Amino acid sequence: MSRGTTGANAEEIAGERRQLLNVAYRLLGSVAESEDAVQEAYTRWYALPRGRRDEITSPGAWLTTVTGRICLDVLGSARARRERYVGVWLPDPLPDRAEWGLGPSAGHADPADQMVLDESVTMAFLVVLESMTPAERVAFVLHDVFRYPFAEIAAVLGRTPAACKQLAASARRRVRAVRAPDAVGQAGRADAVRRVKAAWENKDIAALVDLLDPAAVMTADGGGLVGAALRPIEGGARIAQYMVAIADKAPGLELLERSVNGAPGLVARRDGVVMTVASFDVTEGRVTRIWAVRNPEKLRPWACHDLS
């Protein structure tokens, strides 16, 4: 990769971290794994002899290439790890730093705060990415999301630019097959989530059934650490009954409307502790998918923020 300038100093090198974390998260769907991948890329950079580093005209591009290769390796082993995962594995949910009043100079303590929240990190999009092969995902994310040319992606995948173009095209077909265009918009999604919140708080099964698509699917991720449905719950009526049953078993559960991965979602809190972060997919005003992340290890970025 050749984009960038010569003679980058340590500050400029460190400044690439935000971009690298954004690339890695879209490739891996895990904040912790993304941070590890980026840290490993920096370790390899500083392990290079000084003369070799001086020869690299674009350190940022070099770091992106190395981060991409590390993520490719992680993706290759992730499937086996996730087969041993208790229940369904879901990507880590991300909070919106703007909702906590944090400006761009709030520091780098939490990698989740470095994420750019757009359509490429919605839970629906990340779940589609999970269906791709590692090579497809890398080619698609680097090209379609970050606009890297295939000649540069070829250096990451160790394939020809033509082969990388084919991988991205295959991934694009997967996205089109799963994601139908929806003109509901952010306001429409927020309205649907708000109505689900009200019906859930009132334990109104009939209202929930009306808000849920008859073929809706709810997927929960407890990671074996907390109680959660081990398999997706299918059908609006069954989901409504399940949601009301949860409310009955958790008196004092507080529901908050919050952005989740850049889209309207709900945060369930009890005694000040975040218990669940839920993402929604909405089509024609009705909820078609609910992703409920309950694994406390994936909720750490939420624990350090004041949701009140």
Protein backbone atom coordinates (compact mmCIF):
# COMPACT_ATOMS: atom_id res chain seq x y z
CA MET A 1 0.00 0.00 0.00
CA SER A 2 1.39 3.37 -0.97
CA ARG A 3 -1.02 6.04 0.25
CA GLY A 4 0.33 8.52 2.83
CA THR A 5 3.50 10.52 3.33
CA THR A 6 7.13 9.86 4.08
CA GLY A 7 8.79 10.44 7.42
CA ALA A 8 5.86 9.97 9.77
CA ASN A 9 6.74 10.65 13.40
CA ALA A 10 5.60 8.76 16.47
CA GLU A 11 2.56 11.02 16.93
CA GLU A 12 1.43 10.44 13.36
CA ILE A 13 1.91 6.69 13.78
CA ALA A 14 -0.19 6.71 16.96
CA GLY A 15 -2.80 8.75 15.12
CA GLU A 16 -3.54 5.80 12.85
CA ARG A 17 -5.00 3.86 15.79
CA ARG A 18 -8.56 5.13 15.35
CA GLN A 19 -8.69 4.11 11.69
CA LEU A 20 -7.14 0.73 12.45
CA LEU A 21 -9.66 0.03 15.23
CA ASN A 22 -12.52 0.88 12.89
CA VAL A 23 -11.19 -1.46 10.23
CA ALA A 24 -10.57 -4.26 12.73
CA TYR A 25 -13.97 -4.00 14.41
CA ARG A 26 -15.80 -4.28 11.10
CA LEU A 27 -13.68 -7.31 10.25
CA LEU A 28 -14.01 -9.04 13.63
CA GLY A 29 -17.14 -7.72 15.34
CA SER A 30 -15.32 -7.81 18.69
CA VAL A 31 -13.93 -4.78 20.51
CA ALA A 32 -11.39 -6.83 22.49
CA GLU A 33 -10.18 -8.79 19.47
CA SER A 34 -9.95 -5.58 17.44
CA GLU A 35 -7.83 -3.92 20.10
CA ASP A 36 -5.57 -6.99 20.26
CA ALA A 37 -5.17 -7.01 16.47
CA VAL A 38 -4.25 -3.33 16.34
CA GLN A 39 -1.85 -3.70 19.25
CA GLU A 40 -0.15 -6.61 17.48
CA ALA A 41 0.18 -4.51 14.31
CA TYR A 42 1.91 -1.75 16.29
CA THR A 43 4.15 -4.31 17.98
CA ARG A 44 5.27 -5.56 14.57
CA TRP A 45 5.86 -1.98 13.39
CA TYR A 46 8.14 -1.12 16.29
CA ALA A 47 9.89 -4.49 15.96
CA LEU A 48 11.13 -3.44 12.52
CA PRO A 49 14.70 -2.11 12.32
CA ARG A 50 14.75 1.69 12.19
CA GLY A 51 16.15 1.63 8.69
CA ARG A 52 13.32 -0.59 7.47
CA ARG A 53 10.71 1.72 9.02
CA ASP A 54 12.32 4.72 7.31
CA GLU A 55 11.97 2.96 3.96
CA ILE A 56 8.19 2.60 4.32
CA THR A 57 6.61 5.56 2.55
CA SER A 58 3.19 5.12 4.18
CA PRO A 59 3.26 3.72 7.72
CA GLY A 60 -0.54 4.02 7.93
CA ALA A 61 -0.99 1.86 4.87
CA TRP A 62 1.59 -0.62 6.19
CA LEU A 63 -0.26 -0.83 9.51
CA THR A 64 -3.58 -1.33 7.71
CA THR A 65 -2.12 -4.16 5.64
CA VAL A 66 -0.71 -5.88 8.71
CA THR A 67 -3.91 -5.33 10.72
CA GLY A 68 -5.90 -6.83 7.85
CA ARG A 69 -3.67 -9.90 7.75
CA ILE A 70 -3.93 -10.36 11.52
CA CYS A 71 -7.72 -10.07 11.33
CA LEU A 72 -7.77 -12.59 8.48
CA ASP A 73 -5.94 -15.07 10.72
CA VAL A 74 -8.31 -14.37 13.61
CA LEU A 75 -11.34 -14.89 11.35
CA GLY A 76 -9.88 -18.18 10.20
CA SER A 77 -9.82 -19.51 13.74
CA ALA A 78 -12.98 -17.76 14.94
CA ARG A 79 -15.39 -20.29 13.46
CA ALA A 80 -13.94 -23.12 15.51
CA ARG A 81 -14.04 -20.99 18.67
CA ARG A 82 -17.62 -19.95 18.05
CA GLU A 83 -18.69 -23.53 17.57
CA ARG A 84 -17.72 -24.01 21.23
CA TYR A 85 -19.49 -20.81 22.27
CA VAL A 86 -22.52 -21.36 24.51
CA GLY A 87 -25.57 -20.23 22.56
CA VAL A 88 -25.46 -17.81 19.64
CA TRP A 89 -22.45 -15.51 19.19
CA LEU A 90 -23.33 -11.89 18.37
CA PRO A 91 -21.02 -8.95 17.62
CA ASP A 92 -20.21 -6.55 20.46
CA PRO A 93 -22.75 -3.70 20.76
CA LEU A 94 -21.29 -0.20 20.64
CA PRO A 95 -22.51 2.86 22.58
CA ASP A 96 -22.67 6.31 21.01
CA ARG A 97 -20.09 8.53 22.71
CA ALA A 98 -22.16 11.63 21.85
CA GLU A 99 -24.91 10.41 24.20
CA TRP A 100 -22.44 10.59 27.08
CA GLY A 101 -21.35 14.14 26.25
CA LEU A 102 -17.86 13.00 25.27
CA GLY A 103 -16.08 15.16 22.73
CA PRO A 104 -13.40 14.15 20.24
CA SER A 105 -10.63 14.96 22.73
CA ALA A 106 -11.89 12.63 25.48
CA GLY A 107 -8.86 10.36 25.06
CA HIS A 108 -8.22 6.80 23.96
CA ALA A 109 -8.94 4.83 27.14
CA ASP A 110 -11.91 2.95 25.69
CA PRO A 111 -11.47 1.53 22.17
CA ALA A 112 -15.25 1.49 21.72
CA ASP A 113 -15.17 5.29 21.91
CA GLN A 114 -12.96 5.37 18.80
CA MET A 115 -15.55 3.72 16.56
CA VAL A 116 -17.24 5.66 13.78
CA LEU A 117 -20.91 4.69 14.00
CA ASP A 118 -22.47 4.36 10.55
CA GLU A 119 -24.41 1.85 8.47
CA SER A 120 -21.36 -0.44 8.34
CA VAL A 121 -21.54 -1.17 12.07
CA THR A 122 -25.27 -1.72 12.55
CA MET A 123 -25.96 -5.09 14.11
CA ALA A 124 -27.90 -6.15 11.02
CA PHE A 125 -24.91 -5.41 8.79
CA LEU A 126 -22.38 -7.08 11.09
CA VAL A 127 -24.52 -10.23 11.28
CA VAL A 128 -24.48 -10.41 7.47
CA LEU A 129 -20.70 -10.03 7.53
CA GLU A 130 -20.55 -13.04 9.85
CA SER A 131 -22.02 -15.19 7.04
CA MET A 132 -19.06 -14.46 4.73
CA THR A 133 -15.84 -16.36 4.37
CA PRO A 134 -12.85 -14.58 5.97
CA ALA A 135 -11.45 -13.60 2.56
CA GLU A 136 -14.83 -12.29 1.37
CA ARG A 137 -15.24 -10.23 4.50
CA VAL A 138 -11.80 -8.66 4.26
CA ALA A 139 -12.17 -7.86 0.55
CA PHE A 140 -15.68 -6.45 1.00
CA VAL A 141 -14.98 -4.36 4.10
CA LEU A 142 -11.73 -2.89 2.81
CA HIS A 143 -13.15 -2.09 -0.63
CA ASP A 144 -16.84 -1.30 -0.14
CA VAL A 145 -16.61 0.29 3.31
CA PHE A 146 -13.13 1.86 3.37
CA ARG A 147 -12.64 2.28 -0.40
CA TYR A 148 -9.24 0.63 -0.61
CA PRO A 149 -8.35 -0.35 -4.20
CA PHE A 150 -8.12 -4.04 -5.02
CA ALA A 151 -4.41 -3.71 -5.77
CA GLU A 152 -3.86 -2.85 -2.09
CA ILE A 153 -6.31 -5.45 -0.81
CA ALA A 154 -4.36 -8.06 -2.78
CA ALA A 155 -1.40 -7.39 -0.46
CA VAL A 156 -3.58 -8.24 2.53
CA LEU A 157 -5.11 -11.41 1.13
CA GLY A 158 -2.11 -12.63 -0.84
CA ARG A 159 -4.25 -12.96 -3.98
CA THR A 160 -4.47 -11.16 -7.30
CA PRO A 161 -6.49 -7.95 -7.57
CA ALA A 162 -8.90 -9.78 -9.91
CA ALA A 163 -9.46 -12.50 -7.32
CA CYS A 164 -10.08 -9.88 -4.63
CA LYS A 165 -12.61 -8.17 -6.89
CA GLN A 166 -14.46 -11.48 -7.27
CA LEU A 167 -14.45 -12.00 -3.49
CA ALA A 168 -15.96 -8.57 -2.92
CA ALA A 169 -18.60 -9.21 -5.59
CA SER A 170 -19.55 -12.50 -3.91
CA ALA A 171 -19.82 -10.76 -0.55
CA ARG A 172 -21.96 -8.02 -2.10
CA ARG A 173 -24.41 -10.66 -3.36
CA ARG A 174 -24.69 -12.03 0.17
CA VAL A 175 -25.55 -8.57 1.45
CA ARG A 176 -28.20 -8.02 -1.23
CA ALA A 177 -29.73 -11.45 -0.58
CA VAL A 178 -30.17 -10.79 3.13
CA ARG A 179 -30.70 -7.06 3.35
CA ALA A 180 -33.77 -5.79 1.50
CA PRO A 181 -33.84 -1.99 1.01
CA ASP A 182 -35.98 -0.22 3.61
CA ALA A 183 -37.04 3.40 3.37
CA VAL A 184 -38.27 3.64 6.97
CA GLY A 185 -35.31 5.83 7.93
CA GLN A 186 -33.80 6.53 11.34
CA ALA A 187 -36.88 8.37 12.62
CA GLY A 188 -39.12 5.46 11.65
CA ARG A 189 -36.82 2.99 13.40
CA ALA A 190 -36.72 5.15 16.51
CA ASP A 191 -40.52 5.33 16.56
CA ALA A 192 -40.86 1.56 16.24
CA VAL A 193 -38.34 0.98 19.06
CA ARG A 194 -40.11 3.56 21.25
CA ARG A 195 -43.42 1.76 20.80
CA VAL A 196 -41.80 -1.60 21.57
CA LYS A 197 -40.37 -0.09 24.76
CA ALA A 198 -43.81 1.17 25.86
CA ALA A 199 -45.52 -2.14 25.11
CA TRP A 200 -42.76 -4.08 26.87
CA GLU A 201 -42.96 -1.87 29.97
CA ASN A 202 -46.74 -2.33 30.06
CA LYS A 203 -46.39 -6.09 29.48
CA ASP A 204 -48.86 -5.69 26.64
CA ILE A 205 -48.55 -8.88 24.58
CA ALA A 206 -51.18 -7.78 22.05
CA ALA A 207 -49.37 -4.49 21.39
CA LEU A 208 -46.04 -6.28 21.03
CA VAL A 209 -47.52 -8.79 18.58
CA ASP A 210 -48.84 -5.88 16.53
CA LEU A 211 -45.40 -4.22 16.48
CA LEU A 212 -43.51 -7.41 15.59
CA ASP A 213 -43.50 -8.93 12.13
CA PRO A 214 -45.19 -12.37 12.21
CA ALA A 215 -41.91 -13.88 10.98
CA ALA A 216 -39.71 -11.87 13.34
CA VAL A 217 -36.67 -13.52 14.93
CA MET A 218 -35.10 -12.71 18.30
CA THR A 219 -31.52 -13.81 18.98
CA ALA A 220 -29.87 -13.55 22.39
CA ASP A 221 -26.20 -13.81 23.36
CA GLY A 222 -25.46 -14.69 26.97
CA GLY A 223 -22.18 -16.49 26.27
CA GLY A 224 -23.03 -19.06 28.93
CA LEU A 225 -22.36 -16.42 31.59
CA VAL A 226 -25.96 -15.27 32.12
CA GLY A 227 -29.37 -16.67 31.27
CA ALA A 228 -30.37 -16.32 27.63
CA ALA A 229 -32.26 -18.31 25.02
CA LEU A 230 -29.73 -20.68 23.46
CA ARG A 231 -31.52 -20.70 20.11
CA PRO A 232 -33.25 -17.93 18.15
CA ILE A 233 -36.91 -17.40 19.03
CA GLU A 234 -39.03 -17.30 15.88
CA GLY A 235 -42.43 -15.69 15.36
CA GLY A 236 -43.82 -12.40 16.64
CA ALA A 237 -46.27 -14.05 19.05
CA ARG A 238 -43.60 -16.24 20.68
CA ILE A 239 -41.20 -13.29 20.97
CA ALA A 240 -43.90 -11.13 22.60
CA GLN A 241 -44.63 -13.84 25.17
CA TYR A 242 -40.90 -14.28 25.86
CA MET A 243 -40.39 -10.53 26.37
CA VAL A 244 -43.28 -10.29 28.82
CA ALA A 245 -41.98 -13.35 30.68
CA ILE A 246 -38.61 -11.62 31.04
CA ALA A 247 -40.32 -8.52 32.45
CA ASP A 248 -42.23 -10.66 34.95
CA LYS A 249 -39.02 -12.31 36.15
CA ALA A 250 -37.08 -9.05 36.48
CA PRO A 251 -39.02 -6.55 38.56
CA GLY A 252 -37.41 -3.14 38.58
CA LEU A 253 -35.97 -3.56 35.09
CA GLU A 254 -35.48 -0.12 33.54
CA LEU A 255 -35.60 0.34 29.77
CA LEU A 256 -33.73 3.22 28.14
CA GLU A 257 -33.81 4.37 24.53
CA ARG A 258 -30.20 4.54 23.39
CA SER A 259 -28.26 4.34 20.16
CA VAL A 260 -26.78 0.89 19.63
CA ASN A 261 -24.16 0.63 16.87
CA GLY A 262 -25.46 3.88 15.44
CA ALA A 263 -29.12 2.83 15.28
CA PRO A 264 -32.06 3.21 17.70
CA GLY A 265 -32.01 0.50 20.36
CA LEU A 266 -32.85 -0.28 23.96
CA VAL A 267 -30.70 -0.72 27.05
CA ALA A 268 -32.14 -2.73 29.94
CA ARG A 269 -30.75 -1.77 33.33
CA ARG A 270 -31.41 -3.11 36.82
CA ASP A 271 -30.14 -1.44 39.98
CA GLY A 272 -27.92 0.75 37.81
CA VAL A 273 -26.26 -2.20 36.07
CA VAL A 274 -26.66 -2.71 32.32
CA MET A 275 -28.09 -6.20 31.82
CA THR A 276 -29.01 -6.23 28.13
CA VAL A 277 -28.36 -4.14 25.03
CA ALA A 278 -30.89 -4.75 22.26
CA SER A 279 -30.64 -3.88 18.56
CA PHE A 280 -33.57 -3.88 16.17
CA ASP A 281 -34.14 -4.27 12.45
CA VAL A 282 -37.30 -2.59 11.19
CA THR A 283 -39.06 -3.10 7.87
CA GLU A 284 -42.19 -1.23 6.88
CA GLY A 285 -42.71 -0.06 10.45
CA ARG A 286 -42.55 -3.51 12.05
CA VAL A 287 -39.68 -5.12 13.91
CA THR A 288 -38.25 -8.06 11.96
CA ARG A 289 -35.14 -8.85 14.02
CA ILE A 290 -34.08 -8.33 17.62
CA TRP A 291 -30.50 -8.97 18.75
CA ALA A 292 -30.16 -8.97 22.53
CA VAL A 293 -26.61 -9.02 23.88
CA ARG A 294 -26.48 -10.13 27.53
CA ASN A 295 -22.93 -11.45 27.78
CA PRO A 296 -21.42 -9.14 30.44
CA GLU A 297 -18.00 -9.33 28.81
CA LYS A 298 -19.50 -7.67 25.73
CA LEU A 299 -21.24 -4.99 27.79
CA ARG A 300 -18.06 -3.53 29.34
CA PRO A 301 -18.08 -0.42 27.10
CA TRP A 302 -21.56 0.34 28.49
CA ALA A 303 -20.59 -0.09 32.12
CA CYS A 304 -18.18 2.85 32.07
CA HIS A 305 -20.80 5.36 30.90
CA ASP A 306 -23.52 7.14 32.83
CA LEU A 307 -26.82 6.27 31.16
CA SER A 308 -29.01 8.46 33.33
